[in-house]
Amino acid sequence: MAREIEPKKEKIYSGVKIKQDSIFSLEELYKLMYRWFETKGYSFSETEYRKYGTGDMVEIIWGAEKEIDNYAKITIDITFLITGLEKVEIEIEGAKSKSNKGTVEMKFDVNLILDYKKKYGPLMRKIYHSFMIKTRIEDYKKKAASDANDFFSEIRAFLKLHQF
């Protein structure tokens, strides 16, 4: 029996971290990320949500993907680790608001997946990549990096905005 060929995975970013110790709204961070995925055409899911101890430590794992065409897609894997999480009340321009305080650490892996529908064998895939779509693959990589950098910037701006 022939062995099934796995799609080719090109790492765009591996282990990129954003870490911040501050007051922030976990709910608003969720909304920001969800809206970004929705606006950019990504589908995403929360694959894990675990609370530890008294709920002051939370681990969340998300996966997102976007098909570029019927041969290539971008995947973004995110692991959140939130420690020292506590609910706080803050005052902004005289109005009290509920928020969260703690350390947010996010780790991102961004990949380009080629032949994700597993249509080609190893030899055909090599020929296809080397001669037929070589420049298109470079464009795919640039698109994946651009999306990732935009996403990272949005998150950093949100966290920086919420420093008190």
N, C-alpha and C. Protein backbone atom coordinates (compact mmCIF):
# COMPACT_ATOMS: atom_id res chain seq x y z
N MET A 1 0.84 -1.18 0.00
CA MET A 1 0.00 0.00 0.00
C MET A 1 0.89 1.25 0.00
N ALA A 2 0.55 2.21 -0.83
CA ALA A 2 1.33 3.45 -0.95
C ALA A 2 1.12 4.33 0.29
N ARG A 3 2.19 4.93 0.69
CA ARG A 3 2.15 5.83 1.84
C ARG A 3 1.61 7.18 1.39
N GLU A 4 0.72 7.75 2.22
CA GLU A 4 0.13 9.05 1.88
C GLU A 4 1.16 10.16 2.07
N ILE A 5 1.25 11.01 1.09
CA ILE A 5 2.19 12.13 1.13
C ILE A 5 1.55 13.28 1.92
N GLU A 6 2.29 13.80 2.87
CA GLU A 6 1.82 14.93 3.66
C GLU A 6 2.03 16.24 2.90
N PRO A 7 1.19 17.23 3.15
CA PRO A 7 1.42 18.54 2.53
C PRO A 7 2.79 19.09 2.93
N LYS A 8 3.34 19.96 2.12
CA LYS A 8 4.64 20.57 2.42
C LYS A 8 4.40 21.79 3.30
N LYS A 9 5.11 21.85 4.41
CA LYS A 9 4.98 22.96 5.36
C LYS A 9 6.23 23.83 5.28
N GLU A 10 6.01 25.11 4.96
CA GLU A 10 7.10 26.09 4.94
C GLU A 10 6.92 26.99 6.15
N LYS A 11 7.90 27.01 7.05
CA LYS A 11 7.82 27.87 8.23
C LYS A 11 8.08 29.31 7.83
N ILE A 12 7.15 30.16 8.20
CA ILE A 12 7.32 31.59 7.95
C ILE A 12 7.86 32.23 9.23
N TYR A 13 7.21 31.96 10.35
CA TYR A 13 7.67 32.39 11.68
C TYR A 13 7.46 31.23 12.64
N SER A 14 8.40 31.04 13.53
CA SER A 14 8.28 29.99 14.53
C SER A 14 8.64 30.55 15.90
N GLY A 15 7.71 30.44 16.83
CA GLY A 15 7.98 30.85 18.20
C GLY A 15 8.04 32.35 18.44
N VAL A 16 7.42 33.14 17.58
CA VAL A 16 7.37 34.59 17.81
C VAL A 16 6.59 34.84 19.10
N LYS A 17 7.13 35.67 19.98
CA LYS A 17 6.46 35.93 21.26
C LYS A 17 6.09 37.39 21.42
N ILE A 18 4.94 37.59 22.01
CA ILE A 18 4.52 38.91 22.48
C ILE A 18 4.21 38.71 23.94
N LYS A 19 4.85 39.50 24.80
CA LYS A 19 4.65 39.35 26.24
C LYS A 19 4.48 40.72 26.86
N GLN A 20 3.50 40.82 27.73
CA GLN A 20 3.23 42.09 28.38
C GLN A 20 2.61 41.85 29.76
N ASP A 21 3.08 42.60 30.72
CA ASP A 21 2.52 42.58 32.06
C ASP A 21 1.77 43.89 32.24
N SER A 22 0.44 43.83 32.28
CA SER A 22 -0.31 45.08 32.36
C SER A 22 -1.76 44.83 32.70
N ILE A 23 -2.49 45.93 32.69
CA ILE A 23 -3.94 45.88 32.80
C ILE A 23 -4.47 45.87 31.38
N PHE A 24 -5.33 44.93 31.09
CA PHE A 24 -5.88 44.78 29.74
C PHE A 24 -7.24 44.09 29.87
N SER A 25 -8.02 44.19 28.85
CA SER A 25 -9.30 43.49 28.81
C SER A 25 -9.13 42.23 27.97
N LEU A 26 -9.21 41.08 28.62
CA LEU A 26 -9.10 39.82 27.91
C LEU A 26 -10.22 39.70 26.88
N GLU A 27 -11.39 40.14 27.25
CA GLU A 27 -12.54 40.09 26.34
C GLU A 27 -12.29 40.95 25.10
N GLU A 28 -11.75 42.16 25.29
CA GLU A 28 -11.48 43.03 24.15
C GLU A 28 -10.34 42.50 23.29
N LEU A 29 -9.35 41.86 23.91
CA LEU A 29 -8.27 41.24 23.14
C LEU A 29 -8.82 40.13 22.26
N TYR A 30 -9.69 39.30 22.84
CA TYR A 30 -10.36 38.24 22.07
C TYR A 30 -11.10 38.84 20.88
N LYS A 31 -11.88 39.89 21.15
CA LYS A 31 -12.67 40.52 20.08
C LYS A 31 -11.77 41.07 18.98
N LEU A 32 -10.68 41.73 19.36
CA LEU A 32 -9.74 42.28 18.39
C LEU A 32 -9.20 41.19 17.48
N MET A 33 -8.77 40.09 18.09
CA MET A 33 -8.18 39.01 17.30
C MET A 33 -9.24 38.34 16.42
N TYR A 34 -10.41 38.13 16.96
CA TYR A 34 -11.50 37.53 16.19
C TYR A 34 -11.84 38.40 14.97
N ARG A 35 -11.99 39.70 15.21
CA ARG A 35 -12.31 40.62 14.11
C ARG A 35 -11.21 40.63 13.05
N TRP A 36 -9.95 40.58 13.50
CA TRP A 36 -8.84 40.57 12.55
C TRP A 36 -8.95 39.34 11.66
N PHE A 37 -9.13 38.19 12.28
CA PHE A 37 -9.26 36.95 11.50
C PHE A 37 -10.43 37.04 10.52
N GLU A 38 -11.55 37.51 10.99
CA GLU A 38 -12.76 37.61 10.18
C GLU A 38 -12.54 38.56 9.00
N THR A 39 -11.97 39.72 9.27
CA THR A 39 -11.72 40.73 8.23
C THR A 39 -10.74 40.22 7.18
N LYS A 40 -9.73 39.48 7.61
CA LYS A 40 -8.70 38.99 6.68
C LYS A 40 -9.06 37.67 6.02
N GLY A 41 -10.24 37.12 6.33
CA GLY A 41 -10.70 35.90 5.66
C GLY A 41 -10.17 34.60 6.25
N TYR A 42 -9.74 34.62 7.49
CA TYR A 42 -9.27 33.41 8.16
C TYR A 42 -10.41 32.73 8.90
N SER A 43 -10.39 31.42 8.91
CA SER A 43 -11.29 30.69 9.80
C SER A 43 -10.42 30.31 11.00
N PHE A 44 -11.02 30.32 12.18
CA PHE A 44 -10.22 29.96 13.34
C PHE A 44 -11.06 29.21 14.35
N SER A 45 -10.35 28.51 15.22
CA SER A 45 -11.03 27.79 16.30
C SER A 45 -10.17 27.81 17.55
N GLU A 46 -10.85 27.74 18.66
CA GLU A 46 -10.16 27.62 19.94
C GLU A 46 -10.11 26.13 20.24
N THR A 47 -8.91 25.58 20.24
CA THR A 47 -8.79 24.13 20.43
C THR A 47 -8.63 23.74 21.90
N GLU A 48 -8.15 24.67 22.71
CA GLU A 48 -8.02 24.39 24.15
C GLU A 48 -8.22 25.66 24.96
N TYR A 49 -8.81 25.48 26.13
CA TYR A 49 -8.96 26.57 27.10
C TYR A 49 -8.87 25.90 28.46
N ARG A 50 -7.77 26.15 29.16
CA ARG A 50 -7.56 25.51 30.47
C ARG A 50 -7.27 26.56 31.53
N LYS A 51 -7.94 26.41 32.66
CA LYS A 51 -7.65 27.25 33.82
C LYS A 51 -6.91 26.39 34.83
N TYR A 52 -5.95 26.99 35.49
CA TYR A 52 -5.17 26.29 36.50
C TYR A 52 -5.33 26.98 37.83
N GLY A 53 -5.16 26.23 38.89
CA GLY A 53 -5.22 26.80 40.24
C GLY A 53 -6.57 27.42 40.50
N THR A 54 -6.54 28.64 40.97
CA THR A 54 -7.78 29.36 41.29
C THR A 54 -8.30 30.15 40.09
N GLY A 55 -7.79 29.84 38.92
CA GLY A 55 -8.19 30.56 37.71
C GLY A 55 -7.28 31.73 37.40
N ASP A 56 -6.18 31.86 38.17
CA ASP A 56 -5.26 32.97 37.94
C ASP A 56 -4.24 32.66 36.85
N MET A 57 -4.30 31.43 36.32
CA MET A 57 -3.44 31.05 35.20
C MET A 57 -4.33 30.38 34.15
N VAL A 58 -4.23 30.88 32.93
CA VAL A 58 -5.07 30.38 31.84
C VAL A 58 -4.18 30.08 30.64
N GLU A 59 -4.45 28.94 30.00
CA GLU A 59 -3.76 28.59 28.77
C GLU A 59 -4.83 28.42 27.69
N ILE A 60 -4.62 29.09 26.55
CA ILE A 60 -5.57 29.06 25.46
C ILE A 60 -4.80 28.73 24.18
N ILE A 61 -5.34 27.84 23.37
CA ILE A 61 -4.70 27.51 22.10
C ILE A 61 -5.70 27.74 20.98
N TRP A 62 -5.26 28.53 20.00
CA TRP A 62 -6.07 28.83 18.82
C TRP A 62 -5.35 28.36 17.57
N GLY A 63 -6.13 28.02 16.57
CA GLY A 63 -5.59 27.71 15.25
C GLY A 63 -6.40 28.49 14.22
N ALA A 64 -5.72 29.08 13.26
CA ALA A 64 -6.40 29.83 12.20
C ALA A 64 -5.79 29.43 10.86
N GLU A 65 -6.63 29.49 9.84
CA GLU A 65 -6.10 29.20 8.51
C GLU A 65 -6.87 29.97 7.45
N LYS A 66 -6.16 30.20 6.36
CA LYS A 66 -6.76 30.92 5.23
C LYS A 66 -6.25 30.29 3.94
N GLU A 67 -7.16 29.89 3.10
CA GLU A 67 -6.78 29.36 1.80
C GLU A 67 -6.41 30.51 0.89
N ILE A 68 -5.24 30.42 0.28
CA ILE A 68 -4.82 31.41 -0.70
C ILE A 68 -5.43 31.03 -2.05
N ASP A 69 -5.33 29.76 -2.36
CA ASP A 69 -5.96 29.18 -3.54
C ASP A 69 -6.15 27.69 -3.25
N ASN A 70 -6.43 26.90 -4.27
CA ASN A 70 -6.68 25.48 -3.99
C ASN A 70 -5.41 24.66 -3.83
N TYR A 71 -4.27 25.33 -3.74
CA TYR A 71 -2.99 24.64 -3.55
C TYR A 71 -2.27 25.06 -2.27
N ALA A 72 -2.49 26.31 -1.85
CA ALA A 72 -1.73 26.85 -0.72
C ALA A 72 -2.66 27.49 0.30
N LYS A 73 -2.25 27.37 1.57
CA LYS A 73 -2.97 28.05 2.64
C LYS A 73 -1.98 28.50 3.71
N ILE A 74 -2.40 29.51 4.46
CA ILE A 74 -1.60 30.04 5.56
C ILE A 74 -2.23 29.54 6.85
N THR A 75 -1.39 29.10 7.78
CA THR A 75 -1.89 28.72 9.10
C THR A 75 -1.19 29.57 10.16
N ILE A 76 -1.95 29.94 11.18
CA ILE A 76 -1.41 30.68 12.32
C ILE A 76 -1.83 29.92 13.57
N ASP A 77 -0.86 29.44 14.32
CA ASP A 77 -1.12 28.75 15.59
C ASP A 77 -0.70 29.67 16.72
N ILE A 78 -1.61 29.84 17.69
CA ILE A 78 -1.37 30.77 18.79
C ILE A 78 -1.56 30.05 20.11
N THR A 79 -0.60 30.21 21.00
CA THR A 79 -0.73 29.72 22.36
C THR A 79 -0.66 30.92 23.29
N PHE A 80 -1.72 31.11 24.07
CA PHE A 80 -1.75 32.17 25.08
C PHE A 80 -1.40 31.54 26.42
N LEU A 81 -0.60 32.20 27.20
CA LEU A 81 -0.42 31.83 28.59
C LEU A 81 -0.59 33.12 29.39
N ILE A 82 -1.62 33.12 30.22
CA ILE A 82 -1.90 34.30 31.02
C ILE A 82 -1.69 33.91 32.48
N THR A 83 -0.80 34.62 33.15
CA THR A 83 -0.48 34.31 34.55
C THR A 83 -0.79 35.52 35.42
N GLY A 84 -1.05 35.24 36.69
CA GLY A 84 -1.36 36.32 37.63
C GLY A 84 -2.65 37.02 37.28
N LEU A 85 -3.55 36.31 36.62
CA LEU A 85 -4.79 36.92 36.14
C LEU A 85 -5.71 37.26 37.30
N GLU A 86 -6.12 38.50 37.31
CA GLU A 86 -7.10 38.94 38.31
C GLU A 86 -7.99 40.01 37.70
N LYS A 87 -9.20 40.08 38.23
CA LYS A 87 -10.13 41.11 37.79
C LYS A 87 -9.84 42.38 38.56
N VAL A 88 -9.85 43.50 37.85
CA VAL A 88 -9.61 44.79 38.49
C VAL A 88 -10.64 45.79 37.97
N GLU A 89 -10.80 46.85 38.72
CA GLU A 89 -11.66 47.94 38.29
C GLU A 89 -10.77 49.14 38.05
N ILE A 90 -10.93 49.75 36.89
CA ILE A 90 -10.11 50.91 36.55
C ILE A 90 -11.03 52.10 36.31
N GLU A 91 -10.43 53.28 36.38
CA GLU A 91 -11.19 54.49 36.13
C GLU A 91 -10.58 55.20 34.93
N ILE A 92 -11.43 55.44 33.94
CA ILE A 92 -10.99 56.14 32.74
C ILE A 92 -11.90 57.35 32.57
N GLU A 93 -11.30 58.53 32.65
CA GLU A 93 -12.03 59.79 32.53
C GLU A 93 -13.26 59.83 33.44
N GLY A 94 -13.07 59.38 34.68
CA GLY A 94 -14.13 59.45 35.67
C GLY A 94 -15.11 58.28 35.66
N ALA A 95 -15.03 57.43 34.66
CA ALA A 95 -15.95 56.29 34.59
C ALA A 95 -15.21 55.02 35.00
N LYS A 96 -15.87 54.21 35.85
CA LYS A 96 -15.26 52.96 36.29
C LYS A 96 -15.58 51.86 35.28
N SER A 97 -14.60 51.00 35.09
CA SER A 97 -14.73 49.92 34.12
C SER A 97 -14.03 48.68 34.67
N LYS A 98 -14.56 47.51 34.33
CA LYS A 98 -13.93 46.25 34.75
C LYS A 98 -12.92 45.84 33.70
N SER A 99 -11.80 45.30 34.19
CA SER A 99 -10.73 44.88 33.30
C SER A 99 -10.01 43.70 33.93
N ASN A 100 -8.88 43.34 33.35
CA ASN A 100 -8.04 42.26 33.86
C ASN A 100 -6.63 42.77 34.06
N LYS A 101 -5.93 42.13 34.96
CA LYS A 101 -4.53 42.45 35.21
C LYS A 101 -3.78 41.13 35.20
N GLY A 102 -2.60 41.14 34.62
CA GLY A 102 -1.78 39.94 34.60
C GLY A 102 -0.72 40.02 33.53
N THR A 103 -0.05 38.91 33.35
CA THR A 103 0.98 38.81 32.31
C THR A 103 0.42 37.97 31.17
N VAL A 104 0.40 38.57 30.00
CA VAL A 104 -0.06 37.87 28.79
C VAL A 104 1.18 37.51 27.99
N GLU A 105 1.31 36.24 27.68
CA GLU A 105 2.39 35.80 26.80
C GLU A 105 1.74 35.00 25.67
N MET A 106 2.01 35.42 24.46
CA MET A 106 1.47 34.74 23.29
C MET A 106 2.62 34.24 22.44
N LYS A 107 2.48 33.03 21.95
CA LYS A 107 3.49 32.45 21.06
C LYS A 107 2.80 32.13 19.74
N PHE A 108 3.42 32.50 18.64
CA PHE A 108 2.84 32.35 17.31
C PHE A 108 3.74 31.50 16.42
N ASP A 109 3.11 30.61 15.68
CA ASP A 109 3.78 29.87 14.60
C ASP A 109 2.97 30.14 13.35
N VAL A 110 3.63 30.60 12.31
CA VAL A 110 2.96 30.92 11.05
C VAL A 110 3.60 30.05 9.97
N ASN A 111 2.75 29.34 9.23
CA ASN A 111 3.24 28.42 8.21
C ASN A 111 2.49 28.61 6.90
N LEU A 112 3.18 28.28 5.84
CA LEU A 112 2.57 28.19 4.52
C LEU A 112 2.47 26.70 4.22
N ILE A 113 1.27 26.23 3.94
CA ILE A 113 1.06 24.82 3.65
C ILE A 113 0.79 24.69 2.15
N LEU A 114 1.65 23.92 1.48
CA LEU A 114 1.54 23.72 0.04
C LEU A 114 1.00 22.32 -0.24
N ASP A 115 0.20 22.21 -1.27
CA ASP A 115 -0.46 20.95 -1.65
C ASP A 115 -1.24 20.38 -0.46
N TYR A 116 -2.01 21.27 0.19
CA TYR A 116 -2.75 20.84 1.38
C TYR A 116 -3.89 19.87 1.04
N LYS A 117 -4.25 19.79 -0.22
CA LYS A 117 -5.28 18.82 -0.63
C LYS A 117 -4.66 17.48 -1.04
N LYS A 118 -3.34 17.40 -0.95
CA LYS A 118 -2.57 16.18 -1.22
C LYS A 118 -2.85 15.61 -2.61
N LYS A 119 -2.75 16.46 -3.61
CA LYS A 119 -3.03 16.04 -4.98
C LYS A 119 -1.81 15.45 -5.70
N TYR A 120 -0.60 15.83 -5.26
CA TYR A 120 0.60 15.45 -5.98
C TYR A 120 1.47 14.50 -5.18
N GLY A 121 2.13 13.61 -5.91
CA GLY A 121 3.14 12.75 -5.30
C GLY A 121 4.44 13.53 -5.18
N PRO A 122 5.46 12.94 -4.56
CA PRO A 122 6.71 13.68 -4.32
C PRO A 122 7.40 14.19 -5.59
N LEU A 123 7.45 13.40 -6.63
CA LEU A 123 8.13 13.82 -7.85
C LEU A 123 7.36 14.94 -8.55
N MET A 124 6.05 14.76 -8.70
CA MET A 124 5.24 15.79 -9.36
C MET A 124 5.26 17.10 -8.56
N ARG A 125 5.22 16.98 -7.24
CA ARG A 125 5.25 18.18 -6.41
C ARG A 125 6.57 18.93 -6.61
N LYS A 126 7.68 18.18 -6.64
CA LYS A 126 8.99 18.80 -6.82
C LYS A 126 9.07 19.53 -8.17
N ILE A 127 8.59 18.90 -9.21
CA ILE A 127 8.58 19.51 -10.55
C ILE A 127 7.69 20.75 -10.54
N TYR A 128 6.50 20.61 -9.97
CA TYR A 128 5.55 21.71 -9.92
C TYR A 128 6.13 22.91 -9.17
N HIS A 129 6.76 22.64 -8.02
CA HIS A 129 7.35 23.73 -7.22
C HIS A 129 8.56 24.35 -7.91
N SER A 130 9.40 23.52 -8.49
CA SER A 130 10.66 24.02 -9.06
C SER A 130 10.49 24.76 -10.38
N PHE A 131 9.55 24.31 -11.19
CA PHE A 131 9.47 24.88 -12.53
C PHE A 131 8.20 25.66 -12.83
N MET A 132 7.10 25.29 -12.21
CA MET A 132 5.83 25.89 -12.62
C MET A 132 5.37 27.02 -11.70
N ILE A 133 5.57 26.90 -10.41
CA ILE A 133 5.04 27.94 -9.51
C ILE A 133 6.09 28.49 -8.54
N LYS A 134 7.34 28.40 -8.91
CA LYS A 134 8.41 28.85 -8.03
C LYS A 134 8.21 30.30 -7.56
N THR A 135 7.93 31.22 -8.49
CA THR A 135 7.74 32.62 -8.09
C THR A 135 6.44 32.81 -7.31
N ARG A 136 5.43 32.02 -7.63
CA ARG A 136 4.17 32.12 -6.89
C ARG A 136 4.37 31.70 -5.43
N ILE A 137 5.19 30.69 -5.20
CA ILE A 137 5.46 30.26 -3.82
C ILE A 137 6.12 31.40 -3.05
N GLU A 138 7.04 32.11 -3.67
CA GLU A 138 7.67 33.26 -3.01
C GLU A 138 6.63 34.33 -2.67
N ASP A 139 5.68 34.55 -3.58
CA ASP A 139 4.59 35.50 -3.32
C ASP A 139 3.72 35.02 -2.15
N TYR A 140 3.45 33.71 -2.09
CA TYR A 140 2.68 33.14 -0.98
C TYR A 140 3.39 33.41 0.35
N LYS A 141 4.70 33.20 0.36
CA LYS A 141 5.49 33.41 1.58
C LYS A 141 5.43 34.88 2.01
N LYS A 142 5.54 35.79 1.04
CA LYS A 142 5.45 37.22 1.35
C LYS A 142 4.08 37.57 1.91
N LYS A 143 3.03 36.99 1.36
CA LYS A 143 1.67 37.23 1.83
C LYS A 143 1.50 36.72 3.26
N ALA A 144 2.01 35.54 3.53
CA ALA A 144 1.93 34.97 4.89
C ALA A 144 2.68 35.85 5.89
N ALA A 145 3.87 36.30 5.53
CA ALA A 145 4.67 37.16 6.41
C ALA A 145 3.98 38.51 6.62
N SER A 146 3.40 39.05 5.56
CA SER A 146 2.70 40.33 5.66
C SER A 146 1.49 40.22 6.59
N ASP A 147 0.68 39.18 6.40
CA ASP A 147 -0.47 38.96 7.28
C ASP A 147 -0.02 38.82 8.73
N ALA A 148 1.01 38.03 8.95
CA ALA A 148 1.49 37.79 10.31
C ALA A 148 1.99 39.09 10.95
N ASN A 149 2.77 39.86 10.22
CA ASN A 149 3.29 41.12 10.77
C ASN A 149 2.17 42.10 11.09
N ASP A 150 1.15 42.14 10.25
CA ASP A 150 -0.01 42.98 10.49
C ASP A 150 -0.73 42.54 11.78
N PHE A 151 -0.90 41.24 11.91
CA PHE A 151 -1.56 40.67 13.09
C PHE A 151 -0.77 40.98 14.36
N PHE A 152 0.54 40.77 14.33
CA PHE A 152 1.40 41.07 15.49
C PHE A 152 1.30 42.55 15.86
N SER A 153 1.33 43.41 14.86
CA SER A 153 1.25 44.86 15.11
C SER A 153 -0.06 45.24 15.78
N GLU A 154 -1.16 44.65 15.33
CA GLU A 154 -2.48 44.92 15.94
C GLU A 154 -2.47 44.54 17.42
N ILE A 155 -1.94 43.38 17.72
CA ILE A 155 -1.93 42.90 19.10
C ILE A 155 -1.02 43.78 19.96
N ARG A 156 0.17 44.08 19.46
CA ARG A 156 1.10 44.94 20.22
C ARG A 156 0.49 46.31 20.47
N ALA A 157 -0.15 46.88 19.46
CA ALA A 157 -0.78 48.20 19.61
C ALA A 157 -1.89 48.14 20.66
N PHE A 158 -2.69 47.08 20.64
CA PHE A 158 -3.76 46.93 21.62
C PHE A 158 -3.18 46.86 23.04
N LEU A 159 -2.18 46.01 23.24
CA LEU A 159 -1.60 45.86 24.56
C LEU A 159 -0.91 47.14 25.03
N LYS A 160 -0.25 47.82 24.13
CA LYS A 160 0.43 49.07 24.49
C LYS A 160 -0.59 50.14 24.85
N LEU A 161 -1.68 50.19 24.10
CA LEU A 161 -2.75 51.16 24.35
C LEU A 161 -3.35 50.98 25.73
N HIS A 162 -3.35 49.74 26.20
CA HIS A 162 -4.01 49.43 27.47
C HIS A 162 -3.04 49.42 28.65
N GLN A 163 -1.90 50.06 28.51
CA GLN A 163 -1.00 50.21 29.65
C GLN A 163 -1.45 51.40 30.48
N PHE A 164 -1.45 51.20 31.77
CA PHE A 164 -1.86 52.29 32.68
C PHE A 164 -0.74 52.61 33.64
